[in-house]
Amino acid sequence: MSDDHVSDADYAAAAAVLSADQVSAVAWLATVMNAFNRVAITSRYTVADS
C-alpha cells in the first residue's frame, strides 16, 4: 500500500500507452474493485469454489 500518489514516472509510463480516458477508466476500475473487496471482507462474503 502506497503512502503517496502514483509517481510521475509510473503515470508517464501508463500515459505513453493509454489515452487520457483509458487512464481514467483504469483508475476508476481500481477504485471500484477496492470498494467491492472492502465490502466483501467486512461482510465476510465467501467465494464459492468453481
Protein backbone atom coordinates (compact mmCIF):
# COMPACT_ATOMS: atom_id res chain seq x y z
CA MET A 1 0.00 0.00 0.00
CA SER A 2 1.42 3.32 -1.01
CA ASP A 3 1.53 6.30 1.32
CA ASP A 4 1.66 8.71 -1.60
CA HIS A 5 0.25 9.32 -5.06
CA VAL A 6 1.31 7.48 -8.20
CA SER A 7 4.79 8.58 -9.18
CA ASP A 8 5.24 10.82 -12.20
CA ALA A 9 7.29 8.08 -13.87
CA ASP A 10 4.54 5.47 -13.40
CA TYR A 11 1.88 7.86 -14.66
CA ALA A 12 4.00 8.76 -17.69
CA ALA A 13 4.51 5.07 -18.48
CA ALA A 14 0.75 4.46 -18.41
CA ALA A 15 0.02 7.64 -20.39
CA ALA A 16 2.52 6.55 -23.05
CA VAL A 17 0.34 3.59 -24.00
CA LEU A 18 -3.15 4.67 -22.88
CA SER A 19 -5.33 7.63 -23.77
CA ALA A 20 -6.42 10.03 -21.02
CA ASP A 21 -9.86 8.37 -21.00
CA GLN A 22 -8.26 4.95 -20.64
CA VAL A 23 -6.02 6.07 -17.76
CA SER A 24 -9.11 7.48 -16.07
CA ALA A 25 -11.03 4.23 -16.67
CA VAL A 26 -8.21 2.17 -15.13
CA ALA A 27 -8.16 4.44 -12.08
CA TRP A 28 -11.92 4.13 -11.64
CA LEU A 29 -11.80 0.37 -12.12
CA ALA A 30 -9.17 0.05 -9.40
CA THR A 31 -11.27 2.25 -7.11
CA VAL A 32 -14.44 0.20 -7.67
CA MET A 33 -12.60 -3.11 -7.24
CA ASN A 34 -11.15 -1.85 -3.96
CA ALA A 35 -14.59 -0.78 -2.76
CA PHE A 36 -16.17 -4.15 -3.61
CA ASN A 37 -13.32 -6.01 -1.91
CA ARG A 38 -13.70 -3.94 1.25
CA VAL A 39 -17.45 -4.61 1.33
CA ALA A 40 -16.87 -8.33 0.75
CA ILE A 41 -14.28 -8.50 3.52
CA THR A 42 -16.34 -6.62 6.09
CA SER A 43 -19.47 -8.65 5.29
CA ARG A 44 -17.44 -11.89 5.45
CA TYR A 45 -18.59 -12.86 1.95
CA THR A 46 -17.21 -16.23 0.93
CA VAL A 47 -16.32 -17.11 -2.66
CA ALA A 48 -17.61 -20.47 -3.83
CA ASP A 49 -15.16 -22.93 -5.37
CA SER A 50 -15.61 -23.34 -9.10
